[in-house]
Each structure stands twice: as C-alpha cells, then as structure tokens.
N, C-alpha and C. Protein backbone atom coordinates (compact mmCIF):
# COMPACT_ATOMS: atom_id res chain seq x y z
N ALA A 1 -87.59 -45.84 -45.24
CA ALA A 1 -88.56 -45.05 -45.98
C ALA A 1 -89.57 -44.45 -45.02
N LYS A 2 -90.11 -43.32 -45.39
CA LYS A 2 -91.02 -42.57 -44.54
C LYS A 2 -92.24 -43.39 -44.13
N GLU A 3 -92.76 -44.22 -45.03
CA GLU A 3 -93.97 -44.99 -44.74
C GLU A 3 -93.74 -46.06 -43.67
N ASN A 4 -92.50 -46.38 -43.35
CA ASN A 4 -92.20 -47.38 -42.34
C ASN A 4 -92.01 -46.78 -40.95
N LEU A 5 -92.10 -45.47 -40.82
CA LEU A 5 -91.87 -44.80 -39.54
C LEU A 5 -93.18 -44.53 -38.82
N ALA A 6 -93.12 -44.66 -37.50
CA ALA A 6 -94.25 -44.23 -36.67
C ALA A 6 -94.27 -42.71 -36.69
N PRO A 7 -95.44 -42.09 -36.45
CA PRO A 7 -95.51 -40.62 -36.48
C PRO A 7 -94.47 -39.95 -35.59
N TRP A 8 -94.24 -40.47 -34.40
CA TRP A 8 -93.25 -39.85 -33.51
C TRP A 8 -91.84 -40.01 -34.06
N GLU A 9 -91.55 -41.13 -34.73
CA GLU A 9 -90.23 -41.33 -35.34
C GLU A 9 -90.03 -40.36 -36.50
N GLU A 10 -91.09 -40.13 -37.25
CA GLU A 10 -91.03 -39.20 -38.37
C GLU A 10 -90.73 -37.79 -37.86
N LYS A 11 -91.39 -37.37 -36.78
CA LYS A 11 -91.16 -36.03 -36.21
C LYS A 11 -89.72 -35.89 -35.73
N ILE A 12 -89.18 -36.92 -35.10
CA ILE A 12 -87.79 -36.87 -34.63
C ILE A 12 -86.84 -36.76 -35.82
N ALA A 13 -87.09 -37.54 -36.86
CA ALA A 13 -86.25 -37.50 -38.06
C ALA A 13 -86.29 -36.11 -38.70
N GLU A 14 -87.49 -35.52 -38.78
CA GLU A 14 -87.62 -34.17 -39.35
C GLU A 14 -86.85 -33.16 -38.52
N SER A 15 -86.96 -33.26 -37.20
CA SER A 15 -86.28 -32.33 -36.31
C SER A 15 -84.76 -32.46 -36.44
N LEU A 16 -84.26 -33.68 -36.47
CA LEU A 16 -82.82 -33.90 -36.63
C LEU A 16 -82.33 -33.35 -37.97
N ALA A 17 -83.11 -33.56 -39.01
CA ALA A 17 -82.73 -33.05 -40.33
C ALA A 17 -82.66 -31.53 -40.32
N CYS A 18 -83.63 -30.90 -39.68
CA CYS A 18 -83.67 -29.44 -39.62
C CYS A 18 -82.49 -28.88 -38.83
N HIS A 19 -82.20 -29.48 -37.69
CA HIS A 19 -81.14 -28.96 -36.83
C HIS A 19 -79.75 -29.20 -37.41
N SER A 20 -79.60 -30.20 -38.25
CA SER A 20 -78.29 -30.45 -38.86
C SER A 20 -78.17 -29.83 -40.24
N ALA A 21 -79.19 -29.10 -40.66
CA ALA A 21 -79.20 -28.49 -42.00
C ALA A 21 -78.20 -27.33 -42.09
N ILE A 22 -77.82 -27.02 -43.30
CA ILE A 22 -76.96 -25.87 -43.56
C ILE A 22 -77.76 -24.61 -43.25
N LYS A 23 -77.16 -23.71 -42.51
CA LYS A 23 -77.85 -22.49 -42.09
C LYS A 23 -77.56 -21.34 -43.06
N ALA A 24 -78.45 -20.37 -43.09
CA ALA A 24 -78.27 -19.19 -43.93
C ALA A 24 -76.95 -18.51 -43.59
N GLY A 25 -76.19 -18.16 -44.60
CA GLY A 25 -74.92 -17.48 -44.40
C GLY A 25 -73.74 -18.41 -44.16
N GLN A 26 -74.02 -19.70 -43.96
CA GLN A 26 -72.95 -20.66 -43.72
C GLN A 26 -72.15 -20.86 -45.00
N GLN A 27 -70.83 -20.76 -44.92
CA GLN A 27 -70.00 -20.92 -46.11
C GLN A 27 -69.67 -22.39 -46.32
N LEU A 28 -69.69 -22.80 -47.57
CA LEU A 28 -69.38 -24.18 -47.94
C LEU A 28 -68.22 -24.22 -48.91
N SER A 29 -67.43 -25.27 -48.83
CA SER A 29 -66.35 -25.45 -49.81
C SER A 29 -66.97 -25.95 -51.12
N GLY A 30 -66.20 -25.93 -52.17
CA GLY A 30 -66.67 -26.45 -53.46
C GLY A 30 -67.09 -27.90 -53.35
N GLU A 31 -66.31 -28.69 -52.63
CA GLU A 31 -66.63 -30.11 -52.45
C GLU A 31 -67.93 -30.28 -51.67
N GLU A 32 -68.14 -29.46 -50.65
CA GLU A 32 -69.39 -29.55 -49.87
C GLU A 32 -70.59 -29.19 -50.74
N MET A 33 -70.43 -28.19 -51.60
CA MET A 33 -71.52 -27.81 -52.50
C MET A 33 -71.84 -28.94 -53.49
N ARG A 34 -70.81 -29.55 -54.06
CA ARG A 34 -71.04 -30.66 -54.99
C ARG A 34 -71.74 -31.83 -54.29
N GLU A 35 -71.33 -32.13 -53.07
CA GLU A 35 -71.95 -33.21 -52.31
C GLU A 35 -73.41 -32.89 -52.00
N LEU A 36 -73.69 -31.65 -51.68
CA LEU A 36 -75.06 -31.23 -51.40
C LEU A 36 -75.95 -31.43 -52.63
N VAL A 37 -75.46 -31.02 -53.79
CA VAL A 37 -76.23 -31.19 -55.03
C VAL A 37 -76.41 -32.68 -55.33
N ARG A 38 -75.36 -33.48 -55.11
CA ARG A 38 -75.46 -34.92 -55.35
C ARG A 38 -76.55 -35.53 -54.46
N GLN A 39 -76.57 -35.15 -53.19
CA GLN A 39 -77.58 -35.67 -52.27
C GLN A 39 -78.98 -35.19 -52.66
N LEU A 40 -79.07 -33.95 -53.09
CA LEU A 40 -80.36 -33.39 -53.51
C LEU A 40 -80.91 -34.16 -54.71
N GLU A 41 -80.03 -34.49 -55.65
CA GLU A 41 -80.45 -35.24 -56.84
C GLU A 41 -80.96 -36.64 -56.50
N GLN A 42 -80.52 -37.19 -55.38
CA GLN A 42 -80.92 -38.54 -54.97
C GLN A 42 -82.11 -38.55 -54.02
N ALA A 43 -82.55 -37.40 -53.58
CA ALA A 43 -83.66 -37.32 -52.61
C ALA A 43 -84.99 -37.72 -53.25
N ASN A 44 -85.87 -38.29 -52.44
CA ASN A 44 -87.21 -38.66 -52.93
C ASN A 44 -88.05 -37.43 -53.24
N GLN A 45 -87.92 -36.40 -52.43
CA GLN A 45 -88.67 -35.15 -52.63
C GLN A 45 -87.68 -33.98 -52.56
N PRO A 46 -86.90 -33.77 -53.61
CA PRO A 46 -85.84 -32.77 -53.55
C PRO A 46 -86.30 -31.32 -53.54
N ARG A 47 -87.54 -31.06 -53.88
CA ARG A 47 -87.98 -29.67 -54.01
C ARG A 47 -88.45 -29.03 -52.71
N THR A 48 -88.65 -29.84 -51.65
CA THR A 48 -89.10 -29.28 -50.37
C THR A 48 -88.37 -29.92 -49.21
N CYS A 49 -88.27 -29.17 -48.11
CA CYS A 49 -87.72 -29.71 -46.87
C CYS A 49 -88.81 -30.55 -46.18
N PRO A 50 -88.49 -31.24 -45.09
CA PRO A 50 -89.51 -32.04 -44.40
C PRO A 50 -90.72 -31.24 -43.94
N HIS A 51 -90.56 -29.93 -43.76
CA HIS A 51 -91.68 -29.10 -43.32
C HIS A 51 -92.45 -28.49 -44.49
N GLY A 52 -92.05 -28.82 -45.72
CA GLY A 52 -92.77 -28.34 -46.89
C GLY A 52 -92.24 -27.05 -47.50
N ARG A 53 -91.18 -26.48 -46.92
CA ARG A 53 -90.61 -25.26 -47.48
C ARG A 53 -89.73 -25.60 -48.69
N PRO A 54 -89.67 -24.72 -49.67
CA PRO A 54 -88.89 -25.03 -50.88
C PRO A 54 -87.39 -25.10 -50.59
N THR A 55 -86.71 -25.99 -51.30
CA THR A 55 -85.26 -26.10 -51.19
C THR A 55 -84.56 -25.39 -52.34
N MET A 56 -85.34 -24.97 -53.33
CA MET A 56 -84.77 -24.27 -54.48
C MET A 56 -85.84 -23.36 -55.07
N ILE A 57 -85.38 -22.38 -55.82
CA ILE A 57 -86.30 -21.48 -56.51
C ILE A 57 -85.87 -21.37 -57.96
N HIS A 58 -86.78 -20.95 -58.81
CA HIS A 58 -86.48 -20.74 -60.22
C HIS A 58 -86.22 -19.25 -60.43
N LEU A 59 -85.11 -18.93 -61.06
CA LEU A 59 -84.80 -17.55 -61.43
C LEU A 59 -84.77 -17.48 -62.95
N SER A 60 -85.51 -16.53 -63.50
CA SER A 60 -85.47 -16.34 -64.95
C SER A 60 -84.13 -15.70 -65.32
N SER A 61 -83.80 -15.76 -66.58
CA SER A 61 -82.57 -15.11 -67.06
C SER A 61 -82.60 -13.63 -66.72
N HIS A 62 -83.76 -13.02 -66.86
CA HIS A 62 -83.92 -11.60 -66.56
C HIS A 62 -83.62 -11.32 -65.08
N GLN A 63 -84.17 -12.13 -64.17
CA GLN A 63 -83.93 -11.94 -62.74
C GLN A 63 -82.45 -12.12 -62.42
N LEU A 64 -81.83 -13.11 -63.01
CA LEU A 64 -80.42 -13.38 -62.76
C LEU A 64 -79.54 -12.23 -63.26
N GLU A 65 -79.82 -11.74 -64.46
CA GLU A 65 -79.07 -10.61 -65.00
C GLU A 65 -79.24 -9.38 -64.13
N LYS A 66 -80.44 -9.16 -63.62
CA LYS A 66 -80.71 -8.01 -62.75
C LYS A 66 -79.92 -8.13 -61.44
N GLU A 67 -79.89 -9.32 -60.85
CA GLU A 67 -79.15 -9.54 -59.60
C GLU A 67 -77.66 -9.25 -59.76
N PHE A 68 -77.11 -9.53 -60.94
CA PHE A 68 -75.69 -9.31 -61.17
C PHE A 68 -75.39 -7.95 -61.81
N GLY A 69 -76.39 -7.06 -61.81
CA GLY A 69 -76.19 -5.70 -62.27
C GLY A 69 -75.95 -5.56 -63.77
N ARG A 70 -76.37 -6.52 -64.55
CA ARG A 70 -76.19 -6.43 -66.00
C ARG A 70 -77.30 -5.63 -66.65
N ILE A 71 -78.44 -5.56 -65.99
CA ILE A 71 -79.56 -4.74 -66.46
C ILE A 71 -80.18 -4.05 -65.25
N SER A 72 -80.98 -3.01 -65.51
CA SER A 72 -81.63 -2.30 -64.39
C SER A 72 -83.03 -2.79 -64.19
C-alpha cells in the first residue's frame, strides 16, 4: 500500500508505472482490453494516474453520437 512506502520508493513506483503504461496509439487485443478494465475496477484510485491525470472521461450521449457522425 502507498502509505507503507518511503517517498523515494513511491517516486520509483510511479515512474515504473508510467513507463510501463499503455501508450497513445498502442493497439490492444480484446483480451488485453478486458484485462485492463478488470485491473482498473480493482484499483484504489481508478480515476487518476499516479501523477493525478485522469484515466477516463465522461462522454454524453450527444458527444458520442457527434463523434460517430450520427448528428452534426
């Protein structure tokens, strides 16, 4: 758990997590995507990365329909 780590250990863990993270544009198989969601559901703080950036965003139905060209 995070509270058991020294500050320097926490920084190393954050760095390792960032460097091993899935990168933008990286393609994943269906199984990899399911595993990613499973791990996200089990995370203590699933909404942000170790640096505080969001791991997910909310899209309204309107935004989603617009992205798929169903409305202008």
